[in-house]
C-alpha atoms as a PDB file:
ATOM      1  CA  MET A   1      11.054  14.006 -16.500  1.00  0.00           C
ATOM      2  CA  ASP A   2       7.492  14.248 -15.240  1.00  0.00           C
ATOM      3  CA  TYR A   3       4.569  15.209 -17.453  1.00  0.00           C
ATOM      4  CA  LEU A   4       1.421  16.989 -16.308  1.00  0.00           C
ATOM      5  CA  PHE A   5      -1.784  16.320 -18.227  1.00  0.00           C
ATOM      6  CA  LEU A   6      -4.847  18.570 -18.036  1.00  0.00           C
ATOM      7  CA  LEU A   7      -7.719  16.150 -18.525  1.00  0.00           C
ATOM      8  CA  SER A   8     -10.962  16.897 -20.312  1.00  0.00           C
ATOM      9  CA  GLY A   9     -13.767  17.665 -17.889  1.00  0.00           C
ATOM     10  CA  GLU A  10     -16.297  15.806 -20.009  1.00  0.00           C
ATOM     11  CA  ASN A  11     -15.183  12.360 -18.849  1.00  0.00           C
ATOM     12  CA  GLU A  12     -12.239  12.406 -16.441  1.00  0.00           C
ATOM     13  CA  SER A  13     -12.146   8.653 -15.929  1.00  0.00           C
ATOM     14  CA  LEU A  14     -11.970   7.992 -19.674  1.00  0.00           C
ATOM     15  CA  ALA A  15      -9.236  10.619 -20.093  1.00  0.00           C
ATOM     16  CA  LYS A  16      -7.251   9.055 -17.238  1.00  0.00           C
ATOM     17  CA  GLU A  17      -7.572   5.541 -18.653  1.00  0.00           C
ATOM     18  CA  GLU A  18      -6.568   6.788 -22.102  1.00  0.00           C
ATOM     19  CA  ILE A  19      -3.273   8.146 -20.728  1.00  0.00           C
ATOM     20  CA  LEU A  20      -2.592   5.145 -18.508  1.00  0.00           C
ATOM     21  CA  SER A  21      -3.243   2.645 -21.302  1.00  0.00           C
ATOM     22  CA  LEU A  22      -0.936   4.456 -23.742  1.00  0.00           C
ATOM     23  CA  SER A  23       1.870   5.177 -21.269  1.00  0.00           C
ATOM     24  CA  ASN A  24       1.702   2.148 -18.957  1.00  0.00           C
ATOM     25  CA  PRO A  25       3.433   4.017 -16.099  1.00  0.00           C
ATOM     26  CA  LYS A  26       4.728   2.394 -12.923  1.00  0.00           C
ATOM     27  CA  ASP A  27       3.280   5.233 -10.876  1.00  0.00           C
ATOM     28  CA  TYR A  28       1.041   8.252 -11.376  1.00  0.00           C
ATOM     29  CA  LYS A  29      -0.675  10.951  -9.322  1.00  0.00           C
ATOM     30  CA  GLN A  30      -4.089  12.459  -9.950  1.00  0.00           C
ATOM     31  CA  ASP A  31      -5.926  15.396  -8.450  1.00  0.00           C
ATOM     32  CA  ASN A  32      -9.251  16.169 -10.129  1.00  0.00           C
ATOM     33  CA  ARG A  33      -8.439  17.069 -13.770  1.00  0.00           C
ATOM     34  CA  ILE A  34      -4.636  16.933 -13.322  1.00  0.00           C
ATOM     35  CA  LEU A  35      -2.705  13.710 -13.896  1.00  0.00           C
ATOM     36  CA  ILE A  36       1.077  13.439 -13.461  1.00  0.00           C
ATOM     37  CA  THR A  37       3.200  10.605 -14.814  1.00  0.00           C
ATOM     38  CA  ASN A  38       6.866  10.166 -15.718  1.00  0.00           C
ATOM     39  CA  LYS A  39       6.421   8.039 -18.807  1.00  0.00           C
ATOM     40  CA  LYS A  40       6.858   9.586 -22.263  1.00  0.00           C
ATOM     41  CA  PHE A  41       4.768   8.270 -25.172  1.00  0.00           C
ATOM     42  CA  ASP A  42       3.090   9.427 -28.398  1.00  0.00           C
ATOM     43  CA  PHE A  43       1.011  12.358 -27.139  1.00  0.00           C
ATOM     44  CA  ASP A  44      -0.648  12.832 -30.558  1.00  0.00           C
ATOM     45  CA  ARG A  45      -3.020   9.946 -29.864  1.00  0.00           C
ATOM     46  CA  LEU A  46      -4.731  11.632 -26.901  1.00  0.00           C
ATOM     47  CA  ALA A  47      -8.313  12.757 -27.496  1.00  0.00           C
ATOM     48  CA  PHE A  48      -9.518  13.582 -23.969  1.00  0.00           C
ATOM     49  CA  THR A  49      -6.578  15.739 -22.838  1.00  0.00           C
ATOM     50  CA  HIS A  50      -6.650  19.537 -23.075  1.00  0.00           C
ATOM     51  CA  GLY A  51      -2.957  20.138 -22.356  1.00  0.00           C
ATOM     52  CA  ILE A  52       0.396  18.430 -21.781  1.00  0.00           C
ATOM     53  CA  TYR A  53       3.164  20.166 -19.851  1.00  0.00           C
ATOM     54  CA  ASN A  54       6.643  19.388 -18.514  1.00  0.00           C
ATOM     55  CA  LEU A  55       6.552  19.470 -14.737  1.00  0.00           C
ATOM     56  CA  ILE A  56       9.612  21.470 -13.733  1.00  0.00           C
ATOM     57  CA  PHE A  57       9.126  21.446  -9.952  1.00  0.00           C
ATOM     58  CA  SER A  58       6.658  20.781  -7.185  1.00  0.00           C
ATOM     59  CA  CYS A  59       6.444  22.074  -3.658  1.00  0.00           C
ATOM     60  CA  LYS A  60       3.995  22.783  -0.878  1.00  0.00           C
ATOM     61  CA  PRO A  61       1.940  25.974  -1.272  1.00  0.00           C
ATOM     62  CA  ASN A  62       3.581  27.647   1.723  1.00  0.00           C
ATOM     63  CA  GLU A  63       7.063  27.000   0.206  1.00  0.00           C
ATOM     64  CA  LEU A  64       6.274  28.393  -3.260  1.00  0.00           C
ATOM     65  CA  GLU A  65       7.447  31.985  -2.776  1.00  0.00           C
ATOM     66  CA  VAL A  66      10.806  30.911  -1.299  1.00  0.00           C
ATOM     67  CA  PHE A  67      11.302  28.272  -3.981  1.00  0.00           C
ATOM     68  CA  ILE A  68      10.717  30.776  -6.807  1.00  0.00           C
ATOM     69  CA  LYS A  69      13.114  33.312  -5.285  1.00  0.00           C
ATOM     70  CA  GLU A  70      15.853  30.674  -4.920  1.00  0.00           C
ATOM     71  CA  THR A  71      15.406  29.170  -8.385  1.00  0.00           C
ATOM     72  CA  ASN A  72      17.186  30.697 -11.359  1.00  0.00           C
ATOM     73  CA  PHE A  73      14.777  30.353 -14.260  1.00  0.00           C
END
């Protein structure tokens, strides 16, 4: 399962390094204040993260409406 982290805007690089050092993932993706990784760890130790979410799907913006209609939530 992938996890999406909403990083603090105060110091994005510190927030990113905090997550990467605690999770030690093989791969991650980052776009501004969003960081995605597939490694689970003790989330209670994060200080520079505003939110942690399960990433249930991803798609291109132009495919979003079709994807939502075809998915049974």
